[in-house]
N, C-alpha and C. Protein backbone atom coordinates (compact mmCIF):
# COMPACT_ATOMS: atom_id res chain seq x y z
N MET A 1 15.64 -3.36 -57.41
CA MET A 1 14.93 -4.37 -58.14
C MET A 1 14.43 -5.45 -57.17
N VAL A 2 13.19 -5.75 -57.25
CA VAL A 2 12.54 -6.75 -56.39
C VAL A 2 12.54 -8.08 -57.12
N ARG A 3 13.02 -9.09 -56.37
CA ARG A 3 13.06 -10.43 -56.96
C ARG A 3 11.93 -11.26 -56.37
N ILE A 4 11.15 -11.83 -57.21
CA ILE A 4 10.02 -12.64 -56.77
C ILE A 4 10.43 -14.11 -56.83
N VAL A 5 10.30 -14.79 -55.70
CA VAL A 5 10.63 -16.21 -55.62
C VAL A 5 9.37 -16.99 -55.95
N PRO A 6 9.46 -17.93 -56.86
CA PRO A 6 8.28 -18.74 -57.19
C PRO A 6 7.72 -19.43 -55.95
N ALA A 7 6.43 -19.68 -55.95
CA ALA A 7 5.73 -20.25 -54.79
C ALA A 7 6.15 -21.67 -54.48
N LEU A 8 6.44 -22.48 -55.47
CA LEU A 8 6.77 -23.89 -55.22
C LEU A 8 8.04 -24.05 -54.39
N PRO A 9 9.16 -23.37 -54.70
CA PRO A 9 10.35 -23.53 -53.84
C PRO A 9 10.10 -23.06 -52.40
N ARG A 10 9.33 -21.99 -52.24
CA ARG A 10 9.02 -21.54 -50.88
C ARG A 10 8.22 -22.59 -50.12
N MET A 11 7.29 -23.22 -50.79
CA MET A 11 6.48 -24.26 -50.15
C MET A 11 7.34 -25.45 -49.76
N VAL A 12 8.30 -25.80 -50.59
CA VAL A 12 9.19 -26.93 -50.29
C VAL A 12 10.05 -26.60 -49.07
N ILE A 13 10.55 -25.37 -49.02
CA ILE A 13 11.37 -24.95 -47.86
C ILE A 13 10.53 -24.99 -46.59
N TRP A 14 9.32 -24.44 -46.62
CA TRP A 14 8.46 -24.44 -45.44
C TRP A 14 8.07 -25.85 -45.03
N ALA A 15 7.80 -26.70 -45.98
CA ALA A 15 7.44 -28.09 -45.67
C ALA A 15 8.62 -28.81 -45.01
N GLY A 16 9.84 -28.55 -45.48
CA GLY A 16 11.03 -29.14 -44.88
C GLY A 16 11.22 -28.67 -43.45
N LEU A 17 11.07 -27.37 -43.22
CA LEU A 17 11.20 -26.85 -41.86
C LEU A 17 10.12 -27.40 -40.94
N ALA A 18 8.90 -27.46 -41.45
CA ALA A 18 7.80 -27.98 -40.63
C ALA A 18 8.02 -29.44 -40.26
N SER A 19 8.55 -30.24 -41.18
CA SER A 19 8.77 -31.66 -40.88
C SER A 19 9.86 -31.83 -39.83
N CYS A 20 10.85 -30.94 -39.82
CA CYS A 20 11.90 -31.02 -38.79
C CYS A 20 11.33 -30.69 -37.42
N VAL A 21 10.51 -29.65 -37.36
CA VAL A 21 9.92 -29.24 -36.10
C VAL A 21 8.90 -30.27 -35.62
N MET A 22 8.17 -30.86 -36.54
CA MET A 22 7.09 -31.77 -36.19
C MET A 22 7.57 -33.10 -35.64
N SER A 23 8.82 -33.41 -35.75
CA SER A 23 9.26 -34.75 -35.35
C SER A 23 9.87 -34.81 -33.96
N CYS A 24 10.01 -33.70 -33.27
CA CYS A 24 10.71 -33.69 -31.98
C CYS A 24 10.07 -34.62 -30.95
N SER A 25 8.79 -34.45 -30.66
CA SER A 25 8.15 -35.25 -29.61
C SER A 25 8.05 -36.71 -30.02
N VAL A 26 7.85 -36.97 -31.31
CA VAL A 26 7.78 -38.36 -31.79
C VAL A 26 9.13 -39.04 -31.58
N TYR A 27 10.20 -38.35 -31.91
CA TYR A 27 11.55 -38.90 -31.72
C TYR A 27 11.82 -39.13 -30.23
N MET A 28 11.47 -38.15 -29.41
CA MET A 28 11.72 -38.28 -27.97
C MET A 28 10.97 -39.47 -27.39
N GLU A 29 9.74 -39.67 -27.83
CA GLU A 29 8.94 -40.80 -27.32
C GLU A 29 9.51 -42.13 -27.81
N SER A 30 9.86 -42.20 -29.08
CA SER A 30 10.31 -43.48 -29.63
C SER A 30 11.69 -43.89 -29.11
N THR A 31 12.49 -42.93 -28.63
CA THR A 31 13.81 -43.27 -28.10
C THR A 31 13.84 -43.30 -26.57
N ARG A 32 12.67 -43.20 -25.95
CA ARG A 32 12.58 -43.26 -24.49
C ARG A 32 13.10 -44.63 -24.03
N PRO A 33 13.97 -44.67 -23.01
CA PRO A 33 14.50 -45.96 -22.56
C PRO A 33 13.42 -46.88 -22.00
N THR A 34 13.56 -48.15 -22.29
CA THR A 34 12.64 -49.16 -21.77
C THR A 34 13.07 -49.52 -20.35
N PRO A 35 12.16 -49.49 -19.39
CA PRO A 35 12.53 -49.79 -18.01
C PRO A 35 12.86 -51.27 -17.79
N VAL A 36 13.67 -51.52 -16.77
CA VAL A 36 14.02 -52.87 -16.37
C VAL A 36 12.92 -53.40 -15.45
N ASP A 37 12.42 -54.57 -15.74
CA ASP A 37 11.40 -55.21 -14.91
C ASP A 37 12.10 -55.96 -13.78
N LEU A 38 12.06 -55.40 -12.58
CA LEU A 38 12.77 -56.01 -11.46
C LEU A 38 12.14 -57.32 -10.99
N THR A 39 10.90 -57.59 -11.40
CA THR A 39 10.26 -58.83 -10.99
C THR A 39 10.86 -60.05 -11.71
N GLN A 40 11.66 -59.81 -12.75
CA GLN A 40 12.29 -60.93 -13.44
C GLN A 40 13.46 -61.52 -12.65
N PHE A 41 13.90 -60.81 -11.62
CA PHE A 41 14.99 -61.29 -10.78
C PHE A 41 14.41 -61.92 -9.53
N HIS A 42 14.83 -63.13 -9.21
CA HIS A 42 14.25 -63.85 -8.08
C HIS A 42 15.34 -64.42 -7.19
N ASP A 43 14.99 -64.63 -5.94
CA ASP A 43 15.93 -65.19 -4.97
C ASP A 43 16.49 -66.51 -5.49
N GLY A 44 17.78 -66.70 -5.28
CA GLY A 44 18.44 -67.93 -5.71
C GLY A 44 19.03 -67.84 -7.11
N GLN A 45 18.73 -66.79 -7.85
CA GLN A 45 19.29 -66.60 -9.20
C GLN A 45 20.79 -66.33 -9.07
N SER A 46 21.56 -66.84 -9.98
CA SER A 46 23.02 -66.67 -9.90
C SER A 46 23.42 -65.23 -10.22
N ARG A 47 24.51 -64.79 -9.63
CA ARG A 47 25.03 -63.45 -9.89
C ARG A 47 25.40 -63.31 -11.36
N ASP A 48 25.97 -64.36 -11.93
CA ASP A 48 26.34 -64.32 -13.35
C ASP A 48 25.12 -64.06 -14.23
N SER A 49 23.98 -64.63 -13.88
CA SER A 49 22.75 -64.42 -14.63
C SER A 49 22.32 -62.96 -14.57
N VAL A 50 22.42 -62.36 -13.40
CA VAL A 50 22.06 -60.95 -13.23
C VAL A 50 23.03 -60.08 -14.03
N LEU A 51 24.31 -60.37 -13.93
CA LEU A 51 25.31 -59.60 -14.66
C LEU A 51 25.10 -59.72 -16.17
N GLU A 52 24.68 -60.87 -16.61
CA GLU A 52 24.42 -61.08 -18.04
C GLU A 52 23.29 -60.18 -18.53
N GLN A 53 22.29 -59.97 -17.69
CA GLN A 53 21.14 -59.15 -18.08
C GLN A 53 21.38 -57.65 -17.90
N LEU A 54 22.11 -57.28 -16.84
CA LEU A 54 22.27 -55.86 -16.51
C LEU A 54 23.65 -55.28 -16.84
N GLY A 55 24.62 -56.13 -17.04
CA GLY A 55 25.96 -55.64 -17.30
C GLY A 55 26.73 -55.42 -16.00
N VAL A 56 27.87 -54.80 -16.14
CA VAL A 56 28.75 -54.56 -15.00
C VAL A 56 28.13 -53.52 -14.08
N PRO A 57 28.12 -53.79 -12.76
CA PRO A 57 27.54 -52.82 -11.82
C PRO A 57 28.42 -51.58 -11.70
N GLU A 58 27.80 -50.50 -11.21
CA GLU A 58 28.55 -49.26 -10.99
C GLU A 58 29.50 -49.39 -9.81
N GLY A 59 29.14 -50.26 -8.88
CA GLY A 59 29.98 -50.47 -7.71
C GLY A 59 29.58 -51.75 -7.00
N THR A 60 30.52 -52.30 -6.23
CA THR A 60 30.27 -53.51 -5.46
C THR A 60 30.81 -53.28 -4.06
N PHE A 61 30.06 -53.75 -3.04
CA PHE A 61 30.53 -53.62 -1.66
C PHE A 61 30.13 -54.86 -0.87
N ALA A 62 30.83 -55.08 0.22
CA ALA A 62 30.54 -56.22 1.10
C ALA A 62 29.83 -55.71 2.34
N GLU A 63 28.79 -56.44 2.77
CA GLU A 63 28.07 -56.08 3.98
C GLU A 63 28.67 -56.82 5.17
N SER A 64 28.33 -56.39 6.38
CA SER A 64 28.90 -56.98 7.59
C SER A 64 28.55 -58.45 7.76
N ASP A 65 27.40 -58.88 7.17
CA ASP A 65 27.00 -60.29 7.31
C ASP A 65 27.64 -61.18 6.24
N GLY A 66 28.52 -60.60 5.42
CA GLY A 66 29.21 -61.39 4.40
C GLY A 66 28.56 -61.34 3.03
N ASP A 67 27.38 -60.76 2.93
CA ASP A 67 26.74 -60.63 1.62
C ASP A 67 27.53 -59.65 0.76
N SER A 68 27.52 -59.90 -0.54
CA SER A 68 28.15 -59.01 -1.51
C SER A 68 27.02 -58.30 -2.26
N CYS A 69 27.13 -57.00 -2.44
CA CYS A 69 26.06 -56.23 -3.08
C CYS A 69 26.60 -55.45 -4.28
N ASP A 70 25.80 -55.40 -5.33
CA ASP A 70 26.12 -54.64 -6.54
C ASP A 70 25.16 -53.47 -6.65
N ASN A 71 25.69 -52.28 -6.95
CA ASN A 71 24.87 -51.09 -7.14
C ASN A 71 24.70 -50.79 -8.62
N TYR A 72 23.47 -50.45 -9.00
CA TYR A 72 23.13 -50.04 -10.35
C TYR A 72 22.27 -48.78 -10.28
N HIS A 73 22.22 -48.04 -11.35
CA HIS A 73 21.22 -46.99 -11.56
C HIS A 73 20.47 -47.42 -12.81
N LEU A 74 19.19 -47.75 -12.65
CA LEU A 74 18.40 -48.33 -13.74
C LEU A 74 17.11 -47.56 -13.96
N TYR A 75 16.63 -47.60 -15.20
CA TYR A 75 15.29 -47.11 -15.50
C TYR A 75 14.33 -48.19 -15.02
N THR A 76 13.52 -47.89 -14.02
CA THR A 76 12.61 -48.89 -13.45
C THR A 76 11.14 -48.52 -13.60
N LYS A 77 10.87 -47.32 -14.06
CA LYS A 77 9.48 -46.87 -14.20
C LYS A 77 9.25 -46.43 -15.64
N GLY A 78 8.04 -46.60 -16.09
CA GLY A 78 7.69 -46.23 -17.46
C GLY A 78 7.07 -47.41 -18.17
N TYR A 79 7.02 -47.34 -19.48
CA TYR A 79 6.40 -48.41 -20.25
C TYR A 79 7.32 -48.80 -21.39
N GLY A 80 7.14 -50.01 -21.87
CA GLY A 80 7.98 -50.53 -22.94
C GLY A 80 7.45 -50.16 -24.31
N ALA A 81 7.86 -50.92 -25.31
CA ALA A 81 7.48 -50.64 -26.70
C ALA A 81 5.97 -50.65 -26.89
N GLY A 82 5.27 -51.49 -26.14
CA GLY A 82 3.81 -51.56 -26.26
C GLY A 82 3.13 -50.25 -25.89
N GLY A 83 3.77 -49.44 -25.07
CA GLY A 83 3.22 -48.14 -24.71
C GLY A 83 3.79 -47.01 -25.54
N LYS A 84 5.07 -47.14 -25.92
CA LYS A 84 5.73 -46.06 -26.67
C LYS A 84 5.18 -45.92 -28.08
N ILE A 85 4.94 -47.03 -28.75
CA ILE A 85 4.52 -46.99 -30.16
C ILE A 85 3.19 -46.28 -30.35
N PRO A 86 2.13 -46.62 -29.61
CA PRO A 86 0.87 -45.91 -29.80
C PRO A 86 0.97 -44.41 -29.49
N ILE A 87 1.75 -44.06 -28.47
CA ILE A 87 1.90 -42.65 -28.12
C ILE A 87 2.62 -41.90 -29.23
N ALA A 88 3.69 -42.49 -29.76
CA ALA A 88 4.44 -41.85 -30.85
C ALA A 88 3.55 -41.67 -32.08
N ILE A 89 2.73 -42.66 -32.38
CA ILE A 89 1.81 -42.55 -33.53
C ILE A 89 0.80 -41.44 -33.29
N ALA A 90 0.25 -41.38 -32.09
CA ALA A 90 -0.74 -40.33 -31.77
C ALA A 90 -0.10 -38.95 -31.84
N GLU A 91 1.15 -38.83 -31.35
CA GLU A 91 1.83 -37.54 -31.41
C GLU A 91 2.12 -37.15 -32.86
N GLY A 92 2.49 -38.11 -33.68
CA GLY A 92 2.71 -37.83 -35.10
C GLY A 92 1.44 -37.37 -35.78
N ALA A 93 0.32 -38.01 -35.45
CA ALA A 93 -0.97 -37.62 -36.02
C ALA A 93 -1.35 -36.21 -35.56
N ALA A 94 -1.10 -35.91 -34.29
CA ALA A 94 -1.41 -34.57 -33.78
C ALA A 94 -0.57 -33.52 -34.51
N ASP A 95 0.68 -33.86 -34.78
CA ASP A 95 1.55 -32.93 -35.53
C ASP A 95 0.98 -32.66 -36.92
N VAL A 96 0.54 -33.70 -37.59
CA VAL A 96 0.02 -33.56 -38.95
C VAL A 96 -1.27 -32.73 -38.93
N PHE A 97 -2.19 -33.08 -38.04
CA PHE A 97 -3.50 -32.40 -38.02
C PHE A 97 -3.41 -30.95 -37.55
N THR A 98 -2.40 -30.63 -36.74
CA THR A 98 -2.26 -29.25 -36.26
C THR A 98 -1.15 -28.50 -37.00
N LEU A 99 -0.61 -29.13 -38.04
CA LEU A 99 0.49 -28.54 -38.82
C LEU A 99 1.68 -28.16 -37.95
N GLY A 100 1.95 -28.99 -36.97
CA GLY A 100 3.12 -28.81 -36.12
C GLY A 100 2.89 -28.00 -34.87
N ILE A 101 1.73 -27.39 -34.72
CA ILE A 101 1.46 -26.55 -33.55
C ILE A 101 1.43 -27.39 -32.28
N ALA A 102 1.04 -28.64 -32.38
CA ALA A 102 0.98 -29.53 -31.20
C ALA A 102 2.35 -29.69 -30.55
N GLU A 103 3.43 -29.49 -31.30
CA GLU A 103 4.78 -29.61 -30.73
C GLU A 103 5.02 -28.63 -29.60
N ALA A 104 4.33 -27.50 -29.61
CA ALA A 104 4.50 -26.51 -28.54
C ALA A 104 4.11 -27.09 -27.19
N VAL A 105 3.21 -28.07 -27.19
CA VAL A 105 2.79 -28.73 -25.94
C VAL A 105 3.48 -30.08 -25.78
N LEU A 106 3.59 -30.84 -26.87
CA LEU A 106 4.08 -32.22 -26.77
C LEU A 106 5.56 -32.31 -26.42
N THR A 107 6.40 -31.47 -27.02
CA THR A 107 7.84 -31.57 -26.75
C THR A 107 8.17 -31.25 -25.30
N PRO A 108 7.67 -30.15 -24.71
CA PRO A 108 7.95 -29.93 -23.28
C PRO A 108 7.37 -31.03 -22.39
N THR A 109 6.22 -31.58 -22.78
CA THR A 109 5.62 -32.67 -22.00
C THR A 109 6.51 -33.90 -22.02
N GLU A 110 7.06 -34.22 -23.20
CA GLU A 110 7.99 -35.36 -23.30
C GLU A 110 9.21 -35.12 -22.41
N GLY A 111 9.72 -33.91 -22.41
CA GLY A 111 10.88 -33.59 -21.57
C GLY A 111 10.57 -33.71 -20.09
N ALA A 112 9.38 -33.30 -19.70
CA ALA A 112 9.00 -33.33 -18.29
C ALA A 112 8.69 -34.75 -17.80
N THR A 113 8.29 -35.63 -18.71
CA THR A 113 7.91 -36.99 -18.30
C THR A 113 8.96 -38.04 -18.67
N LYS A 114 10.16 -37.61 -18.98
CA LYS A 114 11.18 -38.59 -19.39
C LYS A 114 11.51 -39.54 -18.24
N ASN A 115 11.93 -40.72 -18.60
CA ASN A 115 12.28 -41.74 -17.61
C ASN A 115 13.52 -41.30 -16.83
N VAL A 116 13.55 -41.64 -15.55
CA VAL A 116 14.66 -41.29 -14.67
C VAL A 116 15.25 -42.57 -14.11
N LYS A 117 16.57 -42.59 -13.96
CA LYS A 117 17.24 -43.76 -13.37
C LYS A 117 17.09 -43.73 -11.85
N HIS A 118 16.91 -44.92 -11.27
CA HIS A 118 16.77 -45.06 -9.83
C HIS A 118 17.85 -46.01 -9.32
N PRO A 119 18.36 -45.76 -8.11
CA PRO A 119 19.35 -46.68 -7.54
C PRO A 119 18.72 -48.02 -7.16
N VAL A 120 19.38 -49.10 -7.57
CA VAL A 120 18.92 -50.45 -7.26
C VAL A 120 20.12 -51.25 -6.78
N THR A 121 19.94 -51.96 -5.68
CA THR A 121 21.02 -52.78 -5.11
C THR A 121 20.63 -54.25 -5.17
N PHE A 122 21.52 -55.06 -5.70
CA PHE A 122 21.35 -56.52 -5.77
C PHE A 122 22.34 -57.13 -4.80
N CYS A 123 21.85 -57.85 -3.80
CA CYS A 123 22.73 -58.46 -2.81
C CYS A 123 22.72 -59.98 -2.95
N TYR A 124 23.89 -60.57 -2.79
CA TYR A 124 24.09 -62.00 -3.01
C TYR A 124 24.67 -62.65 -1.77
N LYS A 125 24.24 -63.88 -1.54
CA LYS A 125 24.84 -64.74 -0.51
C LYS A 125 25.36 -65.96 -1.25
N ASN A 126 26.64 -66.19 -1.19
CA ASN A 126 27.29 -67.29 -1.91
C ASN A 126 27.01 -67.23 -3.42
N GLN A 127 27.10 -66.02 -3.99
CA GLN A 127 26.93 -65.78 -5.43
C GLN A 127 25.52 -66.06 -5.96
N THR A 128 24.53 -66.17 -5.04
CA THR A 128 23.14 -66.30 -5.48
C THR A 128 22.35 -65.12 -4.91
N LEU A 129 21.39 -64.65 -5.67
CA LEU A 129 20.63 -63.46 -5.30
C LEU A 129 19.85 -63.69 -4.02
N ALA A 130 20.06 -62.80 -3.06
CA ALA A 130 19.36 -62.87 -1.78
C ALA A 130 18.26 -61.83 -1.70
N ARG A 131 18.50 -60.63 -2.29
CA ARG A 131 17.49 -59.58 -2.25
C ARG A 131 17.81 -58.48 -3.26
N VAL A 132 16.74 -57.79 -3.67
CA VAL A 132 16.85 -56.64 -4.57
C VAL A 132 16.19 -55.47 -3.85
N THR A 133 16.90 -54.36 -3.72
CA THR A 133 16.37 -53.19 -3.04
C THR A 133 16.42 -51.99 -3.98
N GLN A 134 15.26 -51.35 -4.15
CA GLN A 134 15.18 -50.15 -4.98
C GLN A 134 14.94 -48.95 -4.10
N THR A 135 15.72 -47.89 -4.30
CA THR A 135 15.55 -46.65 -3.59
C THR A 135 14.99 -45.62 -4.55
N ASN A 136 13.91 -44.95 -4.18
CA ASN A 136 13.32 -43.95 -5.07
C ASN A 136 13.78 -42.59 -4.76
């Protein structure tokens, strides 16, 4: 005996599956980490001020000249909310207009262009910022 499933439930199931698939690149873009703007840190700024903005460093070491340095791994490249929002909207529109086919290109692209953490060292002389060094 062959059972025929009405068209409406099948359409609802397909629409649900399509919406799950269609949201991958939009989610990846909207949750992309916002990079730290290193230009906001300037010579003479207190160490406490830097710690307040960045949190506890991954490590601290003393240099031979007496300076104390803090090591961080930070997202320093990319764009903030002003760049993420338009891209996420455009990706969502592409998903709708292509019925999810755009995800075949957009999701791997999001994965390949994700933000990467870079080592950054903040060095202090007498608890005030002396220099910031970023290694790529």
